[in-house]
């Protein structure tokens, strides 16, 4: 089933074996509410690592039944992060989520060389799935949060994760646009050069499972009329499933314009570790956290 709306992920997950979500330092009401909804919607089973006294107090206040969850007591946020990662490594969890723990401590536990969740040579990146109100399908983008200035090797990794995400959403042969400021291949613009290389690699079968084109400017990527005016013949133009951004500035500005000016829905996940990781901020809505949980559950092995 191809997923055309974020909410469609729920229907697909209900037909699958439930994955186990491990939450790091689940000491806040927003996180517990999101995980509780995910359990109620039969999307996942939940393990809450954190201060049991605080967790139970929040549940009592919100009218949530604690018996729906496994609660692992740990009062210290750094130890809670390490304990959550340990549960994943022991096979007691399929995806991980940030609760009230700080982002640096959360990521440090994932990246720990001895006890973390990274395989040698793996590259972490951030993938978001957006539901723009003025676009005809979901839009999958990366990286907007982790890799500041990806080199070609990192762009190849991001590209493969974009393709994997699209395929997890039921898109068998996704259309991927490599973003640049222009469609021309200009040697003095690294984004254009890298885009041409990535497009060529896909054309030669070195990157499989998608139609990859670039460089393409943003108007051409999302608007067929712009491509027609510019006389650009492209299978991807105006119909892209995925966009690979050339750097964190362009990706992050687009992401924040989308969230702050359009109020569009989204789900986001960090990929590259042995399990998908939900890196939600404290300001994210319960709906965003719920969609992020669903996306991570779909992508989990």
C-alpha atoms as a PDB file:
ATOM      1  CA  UNK A   1       0.000   0.000   0.000  1.00  0.00           C
ATOM      2  CA  UNK A   2       1.376   3.393  -1.016  1.00  0.00           C
ATOM      3  CA  UNK A   3       0.988   5.915   1.781  1.00  0.00           C
ATOM      4  CA  UNK A   4      -0.368   9.248   0.525  1.00  0.00           C
ATOM      5  CA  UNK A   5      -1.162  10.867   3.878  1.00  0.00           C
ATOM      6  CA  UNK A   6       0.779  10.659   7.131  1.00  0.00           C
ATOM      7  CA  UNK A   7      -2.245   9.216   8.899  1.00  0.00           C
ATOM      8  CA  UNK A   8      -2.206   6.305   6.401  1.00  0.00           C
ATOM      9  CA  UNK A   9       0.866   4.987   8.248  1.00  0.00           C
ATOM     10  CA  UNK A  10      -1.424   3.968  11.108  1.00  0.00           C
ATOM     11  CA  UNK A  11      -3.477   1.631   8.933  1.00  0.00           C
ATOM     12  CA  UNK A  12      -0.354  -0.045   7.538  1.00  0.00           C
ATOM     13  CA  UNK A  13       1.208  -0.508  10.992  1.00  0.00           C
ATOM     14  CA  UNK A  14      -1.941  -2.183  12.318  1.00  0.00           C
ATOM     15  CA  UNK A  15      -1.411  -4.964   9.768  1.00  0.00           C
ATOM     16  CA  UNK A  16       2.190  -5.537  10.873  1.00  0.00           C
ATOM     17  CA  UNK A  17       3.764  -7.180  13.893  1.00  0.00           C
ATOM     18  CA  UNK A  18       4.061  -4.473  16.534  1.00  0.00           C
ATOM     19  CA  UNK A  19       7.517  -3.006  17.120  1.00  0.00           C
ATOM     20  CA  UNK A  20       8.752  -2.054  20.602  1.00  0.00           C
ATOM     21  CA  UNK A  21       9.535   1.609  21.220  1.00  0.00           C
ATOM     22  CA  UNK A  22      12.022   2.449  23.977  1.00  0.00           C
ATOM     23  CA  UNK A  23      11.670   6.018  25.287  1.00  0.00           C
ATOM     24  CA  UNK A  24      14.671   7.729  26.887  1.00  0.00           C
ATOM     25  CA  UNK A  25      13.807   9.630  30.083  1.00  0.00           C
ATOM     26  CA  UNK A  26      10.036   9.633  29.599  1.00  0.00           C
ATOM     27  CA  UNK A  27       9.495  12.222  32.313  1.00  0.00           C
ATOM     28  CA  UNK A  28       7.273  14.694  30.441  1.00  0.00           C
ATOM     29  CA  UNK A  29       3.576  14.710  29.685  1.00  0.00           C
ATOM     30  CA  UNK A  30       3.928  15.434  25.928  1.00  0.00           C
ATOM     31  CA  UNK A  31       6.094  12.376  25.341  1.00  0.00           C
ATOM     32  CA  UNK A  32       3.924  10.109  27.474  1.00  0.00           C
ATOM     33  CA  UNK A  33       0.765  11.381  25.753  1.00  0.00           C
ATOM     34  CA  UNK A  34       2.235  10.704  22.296  1.00  0.00           C
ATOM     35  CA  UNK A  35       3.429   7.218  23.219  1.00  0.00           C
ATOM     36  CA  UNK A  36       0.110   6.463  24.907  1.00  0.00           C
ATOM     37  CA  UNK A  37      -1.746   7.404  21.707  1.00  0.00           C
ATOM     38  CA  UNK A  38       0.623   5.244  19.669  1.00  0.00           C
ATOM     39  CA  UNK A  39      -0.150   2.297  21.968  1.00  0.00           C
ATOM     40  CA  UNK A  40      -3.901   3.008  21.856  1.00  0.00           C
ATOM     41  CA  UNK A  41      -3.779   3.148  18.044  1.00  0.00           C
ATOM     42  CA  UNK A  42      -2.016  -0.256  18.122  1.00  0.00           C
ATOM     43  CA  UNK A  43       1.063   1.105  16.365  1.00  0.00           C
ATOM     44  CA  UNK A  44       3.727  -0.004  18.874  1.00  0.00           C
ATOM     45  CA  UNK A  45       4.347  -1.434  22.323  1.00  0.00           C
ATOM     46  CA  UNK A  46       5.983   1.046  24.695  1.00  0.00           C
ATOM     47  CA  UNK A  47       8.889   0.862  27.145  1.00  0.00           C
ATOM     48  CA  UNK A  48       9.361   3.995  29.267  1.00  0.00           C
ATOM     49  CA  UNK A  49      12.801   4.513  30.814  1.00  0.00           C
ATOM     50  CA  UNK A  50      12.857   7.259  33.443  1.00  0.00           C
ATOM     51  CA  UNK A  51      11.855   8.253  36.944  1.00  0.00           C
ATOM     52  CA  UNK A  52       8.997   5.880  37.740  1.00  0.00           C
ATOM     53  CA  UNK A  53       7.545   8.199  40.375  1.00  0.00           C
ATOM     54  CA  UNK A  54       7.299  11.111  37.932  1.00  0.00           C
ATOM     55  CA  UNK A  55       5.994   8.901  35.114  1.00  0.00           C
ATOM     56  CA  UNK A  56       3.239   7.452  37.301  1.00  0.00           C
ATOM     57  CA  UNK A  57       2.319  10.924  38.581  1.00  0.00           C
ATOM     58  CA  UNK A  58       1.897  12.180  35.002  1.00  0.00           C
ATOM     59  CA  UNK A  59      -0.143   9.122  34.058  1.00  0.00           C
ATOM     60  CA  UNK A  60      -2.448   9.607  37.025  1.00  0.00           C
ATOM     61  CA  UNK A  61      -2.962  13.261  36.105  1.00  0.00           C
ATOM     62  CA  UNK A  62      -3.693  12.393  32.450  1.00  0.00           C
ATOM     63  CA  UNK A  63      -5.845   9.347  33.238  1.00  0.00           C
ATOM     64  CA  UNK A  64      -3.461   6.910  31.535  1.00  0.00           C
ATOM     65  CA  UNK A  65      -3.325   3.251  32.580  1.00  0.00           C
ATOM     66  CA  UNK A  66       0.309   2.379  33.545  1.00  0.00           C
ATOM     67  CA  UNK A  67      -0.283  -1.314  32.865  1.00  0.00           C
ATOM     68  CA  UNK A  68      -0.155  -0.603  29.109  1.00  0.00           C
ATOM     69  CA  UNK A  69       3.588   0.067  29.379  1.00  0.00           C
ATOM     70  CA  UNK A  70       6.771  -1.458  30.665  1.00  0.00           C
ATOM     71  CA  UNK A  71       8.384   1.096  32.987  1.00  0.00           C
ATOM     72  CA  UNK A  72      12.137   0.866  33.643  1.00  0.00           C
ATOM     73  CA  UNK A  73      13.122   3.045  36.592  1.00  0.00           C
ATOM     74  CA  UNK A  74      16.140   5.363  36.246  1.00  0.00           C
ATOM     75  CA  UNK A  75      16.299   8.817  37.832  1.00  0.00           C
ATOM     76  CA  UNK A  76      19.443  10.045  36.066  1.00  0.00           C
ATOM     77  CA  UNK A  77      18.985  11.146  32.436  1.00  0.00           C
ATOM     78  CA  UNK A  78      22.473  10.062  31.297  1.00  0.00           C
ATOM     79  CA  UNK A  79      22.012   6.610  32.828  1.00  0.00           C
ATOM     80  CA  UNK A  80      18.492   6.446  31.387  1.00  0.00           C
ATOM     81  CA  UNK A  81      19.908   7.017  27.887  1.00  0.00           C
ATOM     82  CA  UNK A  82      22.518   4.300  28.396  1.00  0.00           C
ATOM     83  CA  UNK A  83      19.905   1.908  29.798  1.00  0.00           C
ATOM     84  CA  UNK A  84      17.564   2.502  26.850  1.00  0.00           C
ATOM     85  CA  UNK A  85      20.367   1.778  24.374  1.00  0.00           C
ATOM     86  CA  UNK A  86      21.243  -1.342  26.355  1.00  0.00           C
ATOM     87  CA  UNK A  87      17.647  -2.577  26.025  1.00  0.00           C
ATOM     88  CA  UNK A  88      17.841  -2.100  22.252  1.00  0.00           C
ATOM     89  CA  UNK A  89      21.144  -3.989  22.066  1.00  0.00           C
ATOM     90  CA  UNK A  90      19.652  -6.835  24.101  1.00  0.00           C
ATOM     91  CA  UNK A  91      16.847  -7.185  21.546  1.00  0.00           C
ATOM     92  CA  UNK A  92      14.186  -5.725  23.843  1.00  0.00           C
ATOM     93  CA  UNK A  93      13.380  -2.779  21.582  1.00  0.00           C
ATOM     94  CA  UNK A  94      13.107  -1.992  17.860  1.00  0.00           C
ATOM     95  CA  UNK A  95      13.234   1.810  17.860  1.00  0.00           C
ATOM     96  CA  UNK A  96      14.283   4.534  20.269  1.00  0.00           C
ATOM     97  CA  UNK A  97      12.828   7.943  21.131  1.00  0.00           C
ATOM     98  CA  UNK A  98      14.061  11.015  22.963  1.00  0.00           C
ATOM     99  CA  UNK A  99      11.996  12.088  25.972  1.00  0.00           C
ATOM    100  CA  UNK A 100      13.002  14.824  28.409  1.00  0.00           C
ATOM    101  CA  UNK A 101      16.712  13.980  28.061  1.00  0.00           C
ATOM    102  CA  UNK A 102      18.889  16.652  26.412  1.00  0.00           C
ATOM    103  CA  UNK A 103      19.718  16.040  22.749  1.00  0.00           C
ATOM    104  CA  UNK A 104      23.468  15.840  23.355  1.00  0.00           C
ATOM    105  CA  UNK A 105      23.108  13.121  26.017  1.00  0.00           C
ATOM    106  CA  UNK A 106      20.616  11.232  23.859  1.00  0.00           C
ATOM    107  CA  UNK A 107      22.906  11.302  20.827  1.00  0.00           C
ATOM    108  CA  UNK A 108      25.991  10.526  22.919  1.00  0.00           C
ATOM    109  CA  UNK A 109      24.387   7.286  24.081  1.00  0.00           C
ATOM    110  CA  UNK A 110      23.559   6.307  20.494  1.00  0.00           C
ATOM    111  CA  UNK A 111      27.056   7.201  19.248  1.00  0.00           C
ATOM    112  CA  UNK A 112      28.969   5.560  22.126  1.00  0.00           C
ATOM    113  CA  UNK A 113      31.693   3.485  20.447  1.00  0.00           C
ATOM    114  CA  UNK A 114      31.545   0.596  22.908  1.00  0.00           C
ATOM    115  CA  UNK A 115      27.908   0.396  23.931  1.00  0.00           C
ATOM    116  CA  UNK A 116      26.005   2.501  21.386  1.00  0.00           C
ATOM    117  CA  UNK A 117      23.906   1.706  18.334  1.00  0.00           C
ATOM    118  CA  UNK A 118      26.331   2.483  15.502  1.00  0.00           C
ATOM    119  CA  UNK A 119      27.981  -0.002  13.154  1.00  0.00           C
ATOM    120  CA  UNK A 120      31.483   0.845  11.850  1.00  0.00           C
ATOM    121  CA  UNK A 121      31.359   3.369   9.014  1.00  0.00           C
ATOM    122  CA  UNK A 122      27.673   4.171   9.471  1.00  0.00           C
ATOM    123  CA  UNK A 123      26.514   7.753   8.879  1.00  0.00           C
ATOM    124  CA  UNK A 124      23.729   9.348  10.910  1.00  0.00           C
ATOM    125  CA  UNK A 125      21.324  11.623   9.094  1.00  0.00           C
ATOM    126  CA  UNK A 126      17.903  13.207   9.632  1.00  0.00           C
ATOM    127  CA  UNK A 127      14.979  12.385   7.357  1.00  0.00           C
ATOM    128  CA  UNK A 128      11.629  14.200   7.466  1.00  0.00           C
ATOM    129  CA  UNK A 129       8.363  13.317   5.764  1.00  0.00           C
ATOM    130  CA  UNK A 130       6.161  16.349   5.109  1.00  0.00           C
ATOM    131  CA  UNK A 131       2.528  16.661   4.075  1.00  0.00           C
ATOM    132  CA  UNK A 132       2.465  20.055   2.295  1.00  0.00           C
ATOM    133  CA  UNK A 133      -0.978  21.554   1.805  1.00  0.00           C
ATOM    134  CA  UNK A 134      -0.140  22.791  -1.703  1.00  0.00           C
ATOM    135  CA  UNK A 135       1.602  19.672  -3.003  1.00  0.00           C
ATOM    136  CA  UNK A 136      -0.073  16.577  -4.378  1.00  0.00           C
ATOM    137  CA  UNK A 137       1.793  13.993  -2.321  1.00  0.00           C
ATOM    138  CA  UNK A 138       4.086  13.495   0.652  1.00  0.00           C
ATOM    139  CA  UNK A 139       7.547  15.031   0.388  1.00  0.00           C
ATOM    140  CA  UNK A 140      10.583  13.310   1.928  1.00  0.00           C
ATOM    141  CA  UNK A 141      13.585  15.525   2.665  1.00  0.00           C
ATOM    142  CA  UNK A 142      17.087  15.337   4.154  1.00  0.00           C
ATOM    143  CA  UNK A 143      19.333  16.369   5.756  1.00  0.00           C
ATOM    144  CA  UNK A 144      17.972  19.347   7.716  1.00  0.00           C
ATOM    145  CA  UNK A 145      19.416  18.795  11.190  1.00  0.00           C
ATOM    146  CA  UNK A 146      22.597  16.736  11.533  1.00  0.00           C
ATOM    147  CA  UNK A 147      25.206  16.969   8.732  1.00  0.00           C
ATOM    148  CA  UNK A 148      26.293  20.613   8.235  1.00  0.00           C
ATOM    149  CA  UNK A 149      27.970  20.346   4.828  1.00  0.00           C
ATOM    150  CA  UNK A 150      27.701  16.811   3.438  1.00  0.00           C
ATOM    151  CA  UNK A 151      30.483  15.655   1.164  1.00  0.00           C
ATOM    152  CA  UNK A 152      29.737  13.350  -1.758  1.00  0.00           C
ATOM    153  CA  UNK A 153      30.098  10.192   0.376  1.00  0.00           C
ATOM    154  CA  UNK A 154      27.593  11.564   2.880  1.00  0.00           C
ATOM    155  CA  UNK A 155      25.219  12.670   0.135  1.00  0.00           C
ATOM    156  CA  UNK A 156      25.245   9.124  -1.224  1.00  0.00           C
ATOM    157  CA  UNK A 157      24.279   7.869   2.251  1.00  0.00           C
ATOM    158  CA  UNK A 158      21.516  10.491   2.609  1.00  0.00           C
ATOM    159  CA  UNK A 159      20.230   9.614  -0.860  1.00  0.00           C
ATOM    160  CA  UNK A 160      20.024   5.928   0.013  1.00  0.00           C
ATOM    161  CA  UNK A 161      18.168   6.708   3.245  1.00  0.00           C
ATOM    162  CA  UNK A 162      15.698   8.905   1.331  1.00  0.00           C
ATOM    163  CA  UNK A 163      15.057   6.008  -1.029  1.00  0.00           C
ATOM    164  CA  UNK A 164      14.667   3.563   1.872  1.00  0.00           C
ATOM    165  CA  UNK A 165      12.200   5.897   3.593  1.00  0.00           C
ATOM    166  CA  UNK A 166      10.150   6.273   0.417  1.00  0.00           C
ATOM    167  CA  UNK A 167      10.071   2.519  -0.074  1.00  0.00           C
ATOM    168  CA  UNK A 168       8.979   2.071   3.551  1.00  0.00           C
ATOM    169  CA  UNK A 169       6.042   4.316   2.661  1.00  0.00           C
ATOM    170  CA  UNK A 170       5.118   2.022  -0.220  1.00  0.00           C
ATOM    171  CA  UNK A 171       6.698   4.039  -3.042  1.00  0.00           C
ATOM    172  CA  UNK A 172       8.347   1.318  -5.109  1.00  0.00           C
ATOM    173  CA  UNK A 173      10.450   3.536  -7.386  1.00  0.00           C
ATOM    174  CA  UNK A 174      10.650   7.009  -5.815  1.00  0.00           C
ATOM    175  CA  UNK A 175      11.582  10.148  -7.749  1.00  0.00           C
ATOM    176  CA  UNK A 176      14.487  11.925  -6.042  1.00  0.00           C
ATOM    177  CA  UNK A 177      15.514  15.500  -6.814  1.00  0.00           C
ATOM    178  CA  UNK A 178      19.019  16.737  -5.983  1.00  0.00           C
ATOM    179  CA  UNK A 179      18.562  20.388  -5.075  1.00  0.00           C
ATOM    180  CA  UNK A 180      20.774  23.235  -6.278  1.00  0.00           C
ATOM    181  CA  UNK A 181      20.254  26.912  -7.115  1.00  0.00           C
ATOM    182  CA  UNK A 182      20.089  26.166 -10.846  1.00  0.00           C
ATOM    183  CA  UNK A 183      19.530  23.337 -13.293  1.00  0.00           C
ATOM    184  CA  UNK A 184      22.813  24.136 -15.030  1.00  0.00           C
ATOM    185  CA  UNK A 185      25.950  22.154 -14.198  1.00  0.00           C
ATOM    186  CA  UNK A 186      28.255  24.957 -13.089  1.00  0.00           C
ATOM    187  CA  UNK A 187      31.762  23.841 -12.050  1.00  0.00           C
ATOM    188  CA  UNK A 188      32.097  26.642  -9.496  1.00  0.00           C
ATOM    189  CA  UNK A 189      28.964  25.489  -7.636  1.00  0.00           C
ATOM    190  CA  UNK A 190      29.739  22.272  -5.687  1.00  0.00           C
ATOM    191  CA  UNK A 191      26.018  21.530  -5.223  1.00  0.00           C
ATOM    192  CA  UNK A 192      25.587  21.391  -9.011  1.00  0.00           C
ATOM    193  CA  UNK A 193      28.642  19.214  -9.521  1.00  0.00           C
ATOM    194  CA  UNK A 194      27.657  16.743  -6.778  1.00  0.00           C
ATOM    195  CA  UNK A 195      24.097  16.614  -8.103  1.00  0.00           C
ATOM    196  CA  UNK A 196      25.342  15.734 -11.582  1.00  0.00           C
ATOM    197  CA  UNK A 197      27.565  12.989 -10.148  1.00  0.00           C
ATOM    198  CA  UNK A 198      24.726  11.502  -8.069  1.00  0.00           C
ATOM    199  CA  UNK A 199      22.372  11.600 -11.030  1.00  0.00           C
ATOM    200  CA  UNK A 200      24.998   9.918 -13.193  1.00  0.00           C
ATOM    201  CA  UNK A 201      25.635   7.231 -10.571  1.00  0.00           C
ATOM    202  CA  UNK A 202      21.928   6.419 -10.448  1.00  0.00           C
ATOM    203  CA  UNK A 203      21.763   6.327 -14.236  1.00  0.00           C
ATOM    204  CA  UNK A 204      24.571   3.780 -14.291  1.00  0.00           C
ATOM    205  CA  UNK A 205      22.970   1.598 -11.619  1.00  0.00           C
ATOM    206  CA  UNK A 206      25.412   2.483  -8.837  1.00  0.00           C
ATOM    207  CA  UNK A 207      22.478   3.822  -6.813  1.00  0.00           C
ATOM    208  CA  UNK A 208      19.441   1.607  -7.192  1.00  0.00           C
ATOM    209  CA  UNK A 209      15.734   1.755  -6.458  1.00  0.00           C
ATOM    210  CA  UNK A 210      14.900   5.274  -7.595  1.00  0.00           C
ATOM    211  CA  UNK A 211      14.816   7.787 -10.417  1.00  0.00           C
ATOM    212  CA  UNK A 212      17.432  10.403  -9.453  1.00  0.00           C
ATOM    213  CA  UNK A 213      17.819  13.754 -11.216  1.00  0.00           C
ATOM    214  CA  UNK A 214      19.838  16.878 -10.538  1.00  0.00           C
ATOM    215  CA  UNK A 215      20.819  19.555 -10.295  1.00  0.00           C
ATOM    216  CA  UNK A 216      17.276  20.946 -10.061  1.00  0.00           C
ATOM    217  CA  UNK A 217      16.137  24.251  -8.565  1.00  0.00           C
ATOM    218  CA  UNK A 218      13.349  24.167  -6.013  1.00  0.00           C
ATOM    219  CA  UNK A 219      10.641  25.695  -8.245  1.00  0.00           C
ATOM    220  CA  UNK A 220      11.277  23.038 -10.876  1.00  0.00           C
ATOM    221  CA  UNK A 221      11.231  20.248  -8.286  1.00  0.00           C
ATOM    222  CA  UNK A 222       7.716  20.989  -7.009  1.00  0.00           C
ATOM    223  CA  UNK A 223       6.036  22.732  -9.970  1.00  0.00           C
ATOM    224  CA  UNK A 224       5.534  21.209 -13.421  1.00  0.00           C
ATOM    225  CA  UNK A 225       4.606  24.596 -14.871  1.00  0.00           C
ATOM    226  CA  UNK A 226       8.008  26.027 -13.875  1.00  0.00           C
ATOM    227  CA  UNK A 227       9.729  23.111 -15.575  1.00  0.00           C
ATOM    228  CA  UNK A 228       7.621  23.651 -18.691  1.00  0.00           C
ATOM    229  CA  UNK A 229       8.453  27.370 -18.804  1.00  0.00           C
ATOM    230  CA  UNK A 230      12.173  26.591 -18.417  1.00  0.00           C
ATOM    231  CA  UNK A 231      11.858  23.884 -21.114  1.00  0.00           C
ATOM    232  CA  UNK A 232      13.180  21.205 -18.767  1.00  0.00           C
ATOM    233  CA  UNK A 233      12.229  17.661 -19.688  1.00  0.00           C
ATOM    234  CA  UNK A 234      12.347  15.598 -16.521  1.00  0.00           C
ATOM    235  CA  UNK A 235      10.567  12.655 -14.969  1.00  0.00           C
ATOM    236  CA  UNK A 236      11.204  14.120 -11.520  1.00  0.00           C
ATOM    237  CA  UNK A 237      10.379  17.802 -12.085  1.00  0.00           C
ATOM    238  CA  UNK A 238       7.039  18.755 -10.548  1.00  0.00           C
ATOM    239  CA  UNK A 239       6.526  15.248  -9.192  1.00  0.00           C
ATOM    240  CA  UNK A 240       9.404  14.618  -6.763  1.00  0.00           C
ATOM    241  CA  UNK A 241       8.926  12.236  -3.840  1.00  0.00           C
ATOM    242  CA  UNK A 242      12.249  13.187  -2.218  1.00  0.00           C
ATOM    243  CA  UNK A 243      14.599  16.161  -2.057  1.00  0.00           C
ATOM    244  CA  UNK A 244      18.269  15.956  -1.112  1.00  0.00           C
ATOM    245  CA  UNK A 245      19.473  19.325   0.218  1.00  0.00           C
ATOM    246  CA  UNK A 246      23.074  20.430  -0.453  1.00  0.00           C
ATOM    247  CA  UNK A 247      23.738  21.764   3.061  1.00  0.00           C
ATOM    248  CA  UNK A 248      22.145  22.237   6.460  1.00  0.00           C
ATOM    249  CA  UNK A 249      21.391  25.934   5.898  1.00  0.00           C
ATOM    250  CA  UNK A 250      19.132  25.304   2.913  1.00  0.00           C
ATOM    251  CA  UNK A 251      17.523  22.250   4.483  1.00  0.00           C
ATOM    252  CA  UNK A 252      16.973  23.750   7.923  1.00  0.00           C
ATOM    253  CA  UNK A 253      15.585  27.042   6.592  1.00  0.00           C
ATOM    254  CA  UNK A 254      13.140  25.151   4.368  1.00  0.00           C
ATOM    255  CA  UNK A 255      12.119  22.878   7.254  1.00  0.00           C
ATOM    256  CA  UNK A 256      11.472  25.784   9.613  1.00  0.00           C
ATOM    257  CA  UNK A 257       9.627  27.818   6.981  1.00  0.00           C
ATOM    258  CA  UNK A 258       7.423  24.796   6.417  1.00  0.00           C
ATOM    259  CA  UNK A 259       6.681  24.267  10.115  1.00  0.00           C
ATOM    260  CA  UNK A 260       6.403  27.906  11.214  1.00  0.00           C
ATOM    261  CA  UNK A 261       4.742  29.558   8.207  1.00  0.00           C
ATOM    262  CA  UNK A 262       2.543  26.789   6.818  1.00  0.00           C
ATOM    263  CA  UNK A 263       1.841  24.723   9.936  1.00  0.00           C
ATOM    264  CA  UNK A 264       2.037  21.559   7.871  1.00  0.00           C
ATOM    265  CA  UNK A 265       2.153  18.106   9.427  1.00  0.00           C
ATOM    266  CA  UNK A 266       5.306  16.009   9.469  1.00  0.00           C
ATOM    267  CA  UNK A 267       7.116  13.038  10.904  1.00  0.00           C
ATOM    268  CA  UNK A 268      10.898  12.880  11.331  1.00  0.00           C
ATOM    269  CA  UNK A 269      13.461  10.273  12.237  1.00  0.00           C
ATOM    270  CA  UNK A 270      17.231   9.935  12.600  1.00  0.00           C
ATOM    271  CA  UNK A 271      18.540   7.024  10.548  1.00  0.00           C
ATOM    272  CA  UNK A 272      21.920   5.358  10.250  1.00  0.00           C
ATOM    273  CA  UNK A 273      21.998   3.646  13.633  1.00  0.00           C
ATOM    274  CA  UNK A 274      20.959   0.020  14.022  1.00  0.00           C
ATOM    275  CA  UNK A 275      17.439   1.195  14.827  1.00  0.00           C
ATOM    276  CA  UNK A 276      15.503   4.338  13.827  1.00  0.00           C
ATOM    277  CA  UNK A 277      15.714   7.132  16.406  1.00  0.00           C
ATOM    278  CA  UNK A 278      13.024   9.735  17.054  1.00  0.00           C
ATOM    279  CA  UNK A 279      14.719  13.047  17.902  1.00  0.00           C
ATOM    280  CA  UNK A 280      11.743  15.218  18.755  1.00  0.00           C
ATOM    281  CA  UNK A 281      12.174  18.618  20.370  1.00  0.00           C
ATOM    282  CA  UNK A 282      10.298  19.721  23.471  1.00  0.00           C
ATOM    283  CA  UNK A 283       8.372  22.175  21.304  1.00  0.00           C
ATOM    284  CA  UNK A 284       7.062  19.509  18.910  1.00  0.00           C
ATOM    285  CA  UNK A 285       3.338  18.838  19.041  1.00  0.00           C
ATOM    286  CA  UNK A 286       1.932  15.504  20.179  1.00  0.00           C
ATOM    287  CA  UNK A 287       0.800  14.944  16.571  1.00  0.00           C
ATOM    288  CA  UNK A 288       4.344  15.436  15.231  1.00  0.00           C
ATOM    289  CA  UNK A 289       5.712  13.020  17.821  1.00  0.00           C
ATOM    290  CA  UNK A 290       3.004  10.501  16.956  1.00  0.00           C
ATOM    291  CA  UNK A 291       3.749  10.708  13.227  1.00  0.00           C
ATOM    292  CA  UNK A 292       7.474  10.405  13.984  1.00  0.00           C
ATOM    293  CA  UNK A 293       6.869   7.265  16.062  1.00  0.00           C
ATOM    294  CA  UNK A 294       4.804   5.781  13.225  1.00  0.00           C
ATOM    295  CA  UNK A 295       7.486   6.587  10.634  1.00  0.00           C
ATOM    296  CA  UNK A 296      10.223   5.058  12.788  1.00  0.00           C
ATOM    297  CA  UNK A 297       8.109   1.929  13.367  1.00  0.00           C
ATOM    298  CA  UNK A 298       7.594   1.536   9.603  1.00  0.00           C
ATOM    299  CA  UNK A 299      11.329   1.838   8.989  1.00  0.00           C
ATOM    300  CA  UNK A 300      12.406  -0.497  11.816  1.00  0.00           C
ATOM    301  CA  UNK A 301      13.604  -3.944  10.775  1.00  0.00           C
END
